[in-house]
Amino acid sequence: MRKFVSFGLFLAVASAAPAQPAAVSIELSNFKFAPNPIQLKAGAPITLHLQNTASGGHSFSAPEFFAAARIEPRSAALIHDGKVEVPANRAVDVALVPAAGSYKLKCSHAFHSTFGMKGTIVVR
């Protein structure tokens, strides 16, 4: 009987713990985003894991996307003028709840979008 009570308490505590948002990994490299397009679910909390695999810096610039999304307070300081800077060989996590729509994405560093570093974020 004690085993059943203990197991029941374990289940109650485990289910009471807040669920972590899903993580979506996005690779920034010379000169592309992968995946492209980035597909997200509207209204579902996510963490964008922005991984720069290049030896130089890149940005994840999507002003309309960030303006429409609900940004988690701990991530808001990472976003400036609708973009997130990701240093060389580093990663940045941004937690948010995306809004439905199709949004343009680019790297705002000089000539990077000209060389093809642009894409689309599709939220349905």
N, C-alpha and C. Protein backbone atom coordinates (compact mmCIF):
# COMPACT_ATOMS: atom_id res chain seq x y z
N MET A 1 0.84 -1.19 0.00
CA MET A 1 0.00 0.00 0.00
C MET A 1 0.87 1.25 0.00
N ARG A 2 1.93 1.25 0.81
CA ARG A 2 2.83 2.41 0.87
C ARG A 2 3.45 2.70 -0.49
N LYS A 3 3.77 1.64 -1.22
CA LYS A 3 4.36 1.82 -2.55
C LYS A 3 3.41 2.57 -3.46
N PHE A 4 2.14 2.23 -3.39
CA PHE A 4 1.15 2.88 -4.24
C PHE A 4 0.97 4.35 -3.86
N VAL A 5 0.96 4.64 -2.57
CA VAL A 5 0.83 6.02 -2.10
C VAL A 5 2.05 6.83 -2.52
N SER A 6 3.25 6.26 -2.33
CA SER A 6 4.49 6.95 -2.71
C SER A 6 4.52 7.21 -4.21
N PHE A 7 4.14 6.22 -4.99
CA PHE A 7 4.12 6.38 -6.44
C PHE A 7 3.11 7.45 -6.84
N GLY A 8 1.95 7.48 -6.19
CA GLY A 8 0.93 8.49 -6.47
C GLY A 8 1.43 9.89 -6.15
N LEU A 9 2.15 10.05 -5.04
CA LEU A 9 2.72 11.34 -4.69
C LEU A 9 3.78 11.75 -5.72
N PHE A 10 4.60 10.79 -6.17
CA PHE A 10 5.61 11.07 -7.18
C PHE A 10 4.95 11.59 -8.47
N LEU A 11 3.89 10.93 -8.89
CA LEU A 11 3.19 11.36 -10.10
C LEU A 11 2.58 12.75 -9.93
N ALA A 12 2.04 13.03 -8.77
CA ALA A 12 1.43 14.34 -8.52
C ALA A 12 2.50 15.45 -8.58
N VAL A 13 3.66 15.20 -7.99
CA VAL A 13 4.74 16.19 -8.01
C VAL A 13 5.29 16.35 -9.41
N ALA A 14 5.48 15.24 -10.13
CA ALA A 14 6.03 15.29 -11.48
C ALA A 14 5.10 16.04 -12.42
N SER A 15 3.80 15.83 -12.29
CA SER A 15 2.87 16.51 -13.19
C SER A 15 2.69 17.98 -12.81
N ALA A 16 3.02 18.36 -11.59
CA ALA A 16 2.88 19.75 -11.17
C ALA A 16 4.05 20.61 -11.65
N ALA A 17 5.17 19.99 -12.02
CA ALA A 17 6.33 20.75 -12.50
C ALA A 17 5.99 21.40 -13.84
N PRO A 18 6.38 22.66 -14.03
CA PRO A 18 6.05 23.32 -15.29
C PRO A 18 6.78 22.67 -16.46
N ALA A 19 6.07 22.52 -17.57
CA ALA A 19 6.66 21.93 -18.77
C ALA A 19 7.59 22.93 -19.43
N GLN A 20 8.71 22.43 -19.91
CA GLN A 20 9.66 23.28 -20.62
C GLN A 20 9.15 23.48 -22.05
N PRO A 21 9.29 24.68 -22.60
CA PRO A 21 8.86 24.88 -23.98
C PRO A 21 9.72 24.06 -24.93
N ALA A 22 9.14 23.70 -26.05
CA ALA A 22 9.88 22.96 -27.07
C ALA A 22 11.03 23.82 -27.58
N ALA A 23 12.11 23.18 -27.96
CA ALA A 23 13.26 23.90 -28.51
C ALA A 23 13.33 23.67 -30.01
N VAL A 24 13.61 24.74 -30.74
CA VAL A 24 13.79 24.67 -32.18
C VAL A 24 15.21 25.14 -32.46
N SER A 25 16.03 24.25 -33.00
CA SER A 25 17.42 24.58 -33.31
C SER A 25 17.52 25.19 -34.70
N ILE A 26 18.21 26.33 -34.76
CA ILE A 26 18.42 27.03 -36.03
C ILE A 26 19.92 27.29 -36.16
N GLU A 27 20.49 26.80 -37.24
CA GLU A 27 21.92 26.98 -37.48
C GLU A 27 22.16 28.21 -38.35
N LEU A 28 23.07 29.06 -37.90
CA LEU A 28 23.51 30.22 -38.67
C LEU A 28 24.92 29.91 -39.13
N SER A 29 25.14 29.91 -40.44
CA SER A 29 26.46 29.61 -40.97
C SER A 29 26.74 30.53 -42.16
N ASN A 30 27.87 30.35 -42.78
CA ASN A 30 28.23 31.20 -43.93
C ASN A 30 27.63 30.62 -45.19
N PHE A 31 26.71 31.14 -45.81
CA PHE A 31 25.84 32.27 -45.50
C PHE A 31 24.40 31.78 -45.61
N LYS A 32 23.93 31.08 -44.61
CA LYS A 32 22.57 30.54 -44.66
C LYS A 32 22.02 30.29 -43.26
N PHE A 33 20.71 30.11 -43.24
CA PHE A 33 19.99 29.67 -42.05
C PHE A 33 19.48 28.26 -42.34
N ALA A 34 19.55 27.37 -41.39
CA ALA A 34 19.00 26.03 -41.56
C ALA A 34 18.27 25.63 -40.29
N PRO A 35 17.02 25.21 -40.39
CA PRO A 35 16.30 24.98 -41.63
C PRO A 35 15.80 26.28 -42.25
N ASN A 36 15.38 26.20 -43.47
CA ASN A 36 14.80 27.34 -44.17
C ASN A 36 13.79 26.79 -45.17
N PRO A 37 12.50 27.08 -44.99
CA PRO A 37 11.94 27.99 -43.99
C PRO A 37 11.91 27.37 -42.60
N ILE A 38 11.81 28.25 -41.61
CA ILE A 38 11.64 27.83 -40.22
C ILE A 38 10.14 27.74 -39.98
N GLN A 39 9.65 26.58 -39.55
CA GLN A 39 8.22 26.39 -39.36
C GLN A 39 7.91 26.24 -37.87
N LEU A 40 6.98 27.07 -37.40
CA LEU A 40 6.61 27.10 -35.99
C LEU A 40 5.11 27.00 -35.84
N LYS A 41 4.66 26.65 -34.65
CA LYS A 41 3.23 26.55 -34.36
C LYS A 41 2.78 27.81 -33.61
N ALA A 42 1.76 28.46 -34.11
CA ALA A 42 1.23 29.69 -33.50
C ALA A 42 0.72 29.40 -32.10
N GLY A 43 1.06 30.27 -31.16
CA GLY A 43 0.57 30.19 -29.80
C GLY A 43 1.24 29.15 -28.92
N ALA A 44 2.20 28.39 -29.47
CA ALA A 44 2.89 27.36 -28.69
C ALA A 44 4.23 27.90 -28.19
N PRO A 45 4.46 27.91 -26.88
CA PRO A 45 5.74 28.41 -26.36
C PRO A 45 6.91 27.61 -26.92
N ILE A 46 7.96 28.31 -27.35
CA ILE A 46 9.15 27.66 -27.89
C ILE A 46 10.40 28.40 -27.42
N THR A 47 11.51 27.73 -27.53
CA THR A 47 12.80 28.36 -27.34
C THR A 47 13.55 28.21 -28.65
N LEU A 48 13.91 29.34 -29.26
CA LEU A 48 14.73 29.32 -30.46
C LEU A 48 16.17 29.15 -30.00
N HIS A 49 16.82 28.08 -30.41
CA HIS A 49 18.23 27.84 -30.10
C HIS A 49 19.01 28.25 -31.33
N LEU A 50 19.56 29.46 -31.31
CA LEU A 50 20.28 30.03 -32.44
C LEU A 50 21.75 29.67 -32.30
N GLN A 51 22.23 28.77 -33.14
CA GLN A 51 23.60 28.26 -33.07
C GLN A 51 24.41 28.79 -34.24
N ASN A 52 25.39 29.63 -33.94
CA ASN A 52 26.29 30.15 -34.98
C ASN A 52 27.47 29.20 -35.10
N THR A 53 27.58 28.52 -36.25
CA THR A 53 28.66 27.56 -36.48
C THR A 53 29.81 28.19 -37.27
N ALA A 54 29.73 29.46 -37.53
CA ALA A 54 30.75 30.15 -38.33
C ALA A 54 31.82 30.77 -37.45
N SER A 55 32.93 31.16 -38.08
CA SER A 55 34.03 31.79 -37.34
C SER A 55 33.85 33.30 -37.20
N GLY A 56 32.77 33.83 -37.77
CA GLY A 56 32.44 35.25 -37.63
C GLY A 56 31.03 35.39 -37.10
N GLY A 57 30.70 36.59 -36.63
CA GLY A 57 29.37 36.85 -36.07
C GLY A 57 28.28 36.88 -37.11
N HIS A 58 27.06 36.60 -36.67
CA HIS A 58 25.86 36.69 -37.51
C HIS A 58 24.74 37.27 -36.65
N SER A 59 23.68 37.70 -37.33
CA SER A 59 22.49 38.12 -36.60
C SER A 59 21.28 37.35 -37.12
N PHE A 60 20.28 37.28 -36.27
CA PHE A 60 18.98 36.70 -36.61
C PHE A 60 18.03 37.88 -36.59
N SER A 61 17.84 38.49 -37.75
CA SER A 61 17.07 39.73 -37.85
C SER A 61 15.69 39.46 -38.45
N ALA A 62 14.65 39.62 -37.63
CA ALA A 62 13.27 39.38 -38.04
C ALA A 62 12.36 40.33 -37.26
N PRO A 63 12.45 41.64 -37.55
CA PRO A 63 11.71 42.63 -36.75
C PRO A 63 10.21 42.38 -36.66
N GLU A 64 9.56 42.02 -37.78
CA GLU A 64 8.12 41.81 -37.75
C GLU A 64 7.76 40.57 -36.93
N PHE A 65 8.57 39.54 -37.01
CA PHE A 65 8.36 38.32 -36.24
C PHE A 65 8.42 38.62 -34.74
N PHE A 66 9.49 39.30 -34.32
CA PHE A 66 9.65 39.60 -32.89
C PHE A 66 8.59 40.58 -32.40
N ALA A 67 8.17 41.53 -33.25
CA ALA A 67 7.13 42.49 -32.86
C ALA A 67 5.79 41.79 -32.63
N ALA A 68 5.51 40.74 -33.40
CA ALA A 68 4.23 40.03 -33.30
C ALA A 68 4.23 38.99 -32.18
N ALA A 69 5.41 38.49 -31.82
CA ALA A 69 5.51 37.42 -30.81
C ALA A 69 5.41 37.98 -29.40
N ARG A 70 5.08 37.10 -28.47
CA ARG A 70 5.12 37.44 -27.05
C ARG A 70 6.46 36.92 -26.53
N ILE A 71 7.36 37.83 -26.24
CA ILE A 71 8.71 37.49 -25.82
C ILE A 71 8.74 37.25 -24.31
N GLU A 72 9.36 36.16 -23.89
CA GLU A 72 9.51 35.90 -22.46
C GLU A 72 10.43 36.97 -21.87
N PRO A 73 10.13 37.48 -20.67
CA PRO A 73 10.92 38.56 -20.07
C PRO A 73 12.43 38.28 -20.01
N ARG A 74 12.83 37.04 -19.73
CA ARG A 74 14.25 36.74 -19.63
C ARG A 74 14.96 36.81 -20.98
N SER A 75 14.20 36.77 -22.07
CA SER A 75 14.79 36.82 -23.41
C SER A 75 14.71 38.21 -24.05
N ALA A 76 13.88 39.07 -23.51
CA ALA A 76 13.66 40.39 -24.12
C ALA A 76 14.95 41.19 -24.26
N ALA A 77 15.86 41.07 -23.32
CA ALA A 77 17.11 41.83 -23.37
C ALA A 77 18.03 41.38 -24.50
N LEU A 78 17.77 40.22 -25.09
CA LEU A 78 18.60 39.72 -26.18
C LEU A 78 18.23 40.31 -27.54
N ILE A 79 17.03 40.91 -27.62
CA ILE A 79 16.50 41.39 -28.89
C ILE A 79 16.63 42.91 -28.94
N HIS A 80 17.34 43.41 -29.95
CA HIS A 80 17.53 44.85 -30.14
C HIS A 80 17.17 45.20 -31.57
N ASP A 81 16.22 46.13 -31.73
CA ASP A 81 15.77 46.55 -33.06
C ASP A 81 15.35 45.36 -33.92
N GLY A 82 14.70 44.38 -33.31
CA GLY A 82 14.18 43.24 -34.05
C GLY A 82 15.21 42.21 -34.45
N LYS A 83 16.37 42.23 -33.80
CA LYS A 83 17.39 41.25 -34.15
C LYS A 83 18.14 40.76 -32.91
N VAL A 84 18.72 39.57 -33.06
CA VAL A 84 19.53 38.95 -32.02
C VAL A 84 20.92 38.74 -32.60
N GLU A 85 21.93 39.24 -31.92
CA GLU A 85 23.31 39.02 -32.34
C GLU A 85 23.79 37.68 -31.78
N VAL A 86 24.44 36.89 -32.64
CA VAL A 86 24.96 35.60 -32.22
C VAL A 86 26.46 35.56 -32.56
N PRO A 87 27.31 35.67 -31.53
CA PRO A 87 28.76 35.69 -31.77
C PRO A 87 29.26 34.40 -32.42
N ALA A 88 30.43 34.46 -33.00
CA ALA A 88 31.05 33.31 -33.66
C ALA A 88 31.12 32.11 -32.72
N ASN A 89 30.77 30.95 -33.25
CA ASN A 89 30.86 29.68 -32.52
C ASN A 89 30.16 29.71 -31.16
N ARG A 90 29.05 30.42 -31.09
CA ARG A 90 28.28 30.53 -29.84
C ARG A 90 26.81 30.24 -30.14
N ALA A 91 26.03 30.12 -29.10
CA ALA A 91 24.59 29.91 -29.23
C ALA A 91 23.85 30.88 -28.32
N VAL A 92 22.66 31.26 -28.73
CA VAL A 92 21.79 32.14 -27.96
C VAL A 92 20.40 31.51 -27.96
N ASP A 93 19.76 31.44 -26.79
CA ASP A 93 18.40 30.92 -26.67
C ASP A 93 17.43 32.06 -26.43
N VAL A 94 16.34 32.05 -27.22
CA VAL A 94 15.31 33.08 -27.10
C VAL A 94 13.97 32.37 -26.90
N ALA A 95 13.33 32.62 -25.75
CA ALA A 95 12.04 32.01 -25.44
C ALA A 95 10.92 32.97 -25.81
N LEU A 96 9.92 32.43 -26.50
CA LEU A 96 8.81 33.28 -26.96
C LEU A 96 7.61 32.44 -27.33
N VAL A 97 6.50 33.13 -27.61
CA VAL A 97 5.29 32.50 -28.13
C VAL A 97 5.01 33.20 -29.46
N PRO A 98 5.18 32.48 -30.59
CA PRO A 98 5.03 33.11 -31.90
C PRO A 98 3.57 33.34 -32.30
N ALA A 99 3.37 34.39 -33.10
CA ALA A 99 2.05 34.72 -33.65
C ALA A 99 2.00 34.25 -35.10
N ALA A 100 0.81 33.84 -35.53
CA ALA A 100 0.62 33.35 -36.90
C ALA A 100 1.05 34.39 -37.93
N GLY A 101 1.66 33.89 -39.00
CA GLY A 101 2.06 34.77 -40.09
C GLY A 101 3.29 34.23 -40.80
N SER A 102 3.69 34.95 -41.83
CA SER A 102 4.90 34.63 -42.57
C SER A 102 5.82 35.84 -42.46
N TYR A 103 7.06 35.61 -42.03
CA TYR A 103 7.97 36.70 -41.69
C TYR A 103 9.30 36.55 -42.42
N LYS A 104 9.86 37.68 -42.83
CA LYS A 104 11.17 37.69 -43.47
C LYS A 104 12.26 37.62 -42.41
N LEU A 105 13.33 36.93 -42.76
CA LEU A 105 14.47 36.73 -41.87
C LEU A 105 15.74 37.02 -42.67
N LYS A 106 16.71 37.67 -42.02
CA LYS A 106 17.99 37.89 -42.69
C LYS A 106 19.07 38.10 -41.64
N CYS A 107 20.31 38.02 -42.10
CA CYS A 107 21.45 38.44 -41.28
C CYS A 107 21.70 39.89 -41.66
N SER A 108 21.79 40.76 -40.68
CA SER A 108 21.93 42.19 -40.95
C SER A 108 23.38 42.64 -41.07
N HIS A 109 24.32 41.73 -40.94
CA HIS A 109 25.73 42.10 -41.10
C HIS A 109 26.00 42.46 -42.57
N ALA A 110 26.96 43.33 -42.79
CA ALA A 110 27.25 43.85 -44.13
C ALA A 110 27.40 42.73 -45.17
N PHE A 111 26.57 42.81 -46.19
CA PHE A 111 26.59 41.92 -47.36
C PHE A 111 26.16 40.47 -47.09
N HIS A 112 25.89 40.09 -45.85
CA HIS A 112 25.53 38.70 -45.59
C HIS A 112 24.23 38.31 -46.29
N SER A 113 23.21 39.17 -46.26
CA SER A 113 21.96 38.81 -46.96
C SER A 113 22.17 38.82 -48.47
N THR A 114 23.06 39.68 -48.96
CA THR A 114 23.38 39.70 -50.39
C THR A 114 23.98 38.36 -50.83
N PHE A 115 24.77 37.75 -49.94
CA PHE A 115 25.39 36.46 -50.22
C PHE A 115 24.44 35.29 -49.97
N GLY A 116 23.19 35.59 -49.63
CA GLY A 116 22.17 34.55 -49.49
C GLY A 116 21.71 34.24 -48.09
N MET A 117 22.18 34.97 -47.11
CA MET A 117 21.78 34.68 -45.73
C MET A 117 20.46 35.37 -45.41
N LYS A 118 19.40 34.76 -45.92
CA LYS A 118 18.04 35.25 -45.68
C LYS A 118 17.10 34.06 -45.73
N GLY A 119 15.91 34.26 -45.23
CA GLY A 119 14.96 33.16 -45.20
C GLY A 119 13.58 33.62 -44.78
N THR A 120 12.79 32.63 -44.37
CA THR A 120 11.40 32.87 -44.00
C THR A 120 11.07 32.11 -42.73
N ILE A 121 10.26 32.75 -41.88
CA ILE A 121 9.71 32.09 -40.70
C ILE A 121 8.22 31.97 -40.95
N VAL A 122 7.69 30.74 -40.95
CA VAL A 122 6.28 30.49 -41.19
C VAL A 122 5.67 29.99 -39.89
N VAL A 123 4.67 30.71 -39.40
CA VAL A 123 4.00 30.34 -38.15
C VAL A 123 2.53 30.09 -38.47
N ARG A 124 2.07 28.84 -38.20
CA ARG A 124 0.68 28.46 -38.47
C ARG A 124 0.00 27.95 -37.23
